[in-house]
Amino acid sequence: VGKLWLPRKELDEHKRCVFMASFVKGLLEYFETVIYTDCDEMLVPDLCIYSDLKDYVERNDFEYTAPVGLNLQHIISLEPPLNLALPILQQRRFARFSAAMCKPLITRVPLMWSTGFHASDRPIRIDPNLFLLHLKSMDYDIGLQKQKLTREMAWAASSIRAGHGAHARYDDDRFKREFFLDAQNLVTNPSHGVKPVEFSKEIERIKSEVVYAQGIYHGPHFLGKMVELPERLRSVF
């Protein structure tokens, strides 16, 4: 693994985005496909169709693509704290659809992203056979520790003024309510419950509500239904 260490006294989301677009463009001079993810994001293809992510990339002809975004969810009333010595998906079986996490992350052409990498200068293309599992809510205790870190680290004044990364600076009460209690209520409330792992309506809603502004195709940000991950996906990590 090659590591590129970048100097950073404060987190500037715009600078990070501009740098990554330039870096990916340079990588494409040498590599056919580039994948960008944050450190708490895992790309997983449907394992009924593909053997792994490498197989997915090699068998698909695309310029760029986005996954179905799912927030892996710790339901604190049903599941114990995460044991990091064991596979994560054997301990966490629920996830919640997130339109914001349907991010264009696999590309064979240069992309210019908006902050957070939720949108780009290319029209939205979501593959229903590719999933992004976002691990921010995979464990309550780990989540609180990470939230304290991101809340207290130095942020660029420009990012704070623009509201970039606002969720990373929530206080503990709001973090617990929005990232854990809301999801728990959906799973345990009979009027909501767990829904099928099928996202055609959500994908169509995103496509129908796209707004093109300042050269970027912005999709809507909304949270959707809770699902139980099928067994075929729960052996990946």
Foldseek 3Di string as FASTA:
>chain_A
DDDDDDDDQADDLVVVLVVVLVVVQVVLVPDQKFFDDPPQKDKFFQCVVAVTVVRVVVVDDDQWEFEFEKEQADAPVPFDFDDVVDQLLVRTFKIWTKLQRRAGGMGRHRWRADGPRSWTLDQHHYDHRMYMYGHCRSGLVVNQVQLVVQLPGHHDPVCVVVVRPVLSNDDSVVVCVPRHVVQNCQCPPVVRHADESDCPVVVVQQNVQWDQDPSITDTDTDIGHMHTHDPSRSVPD
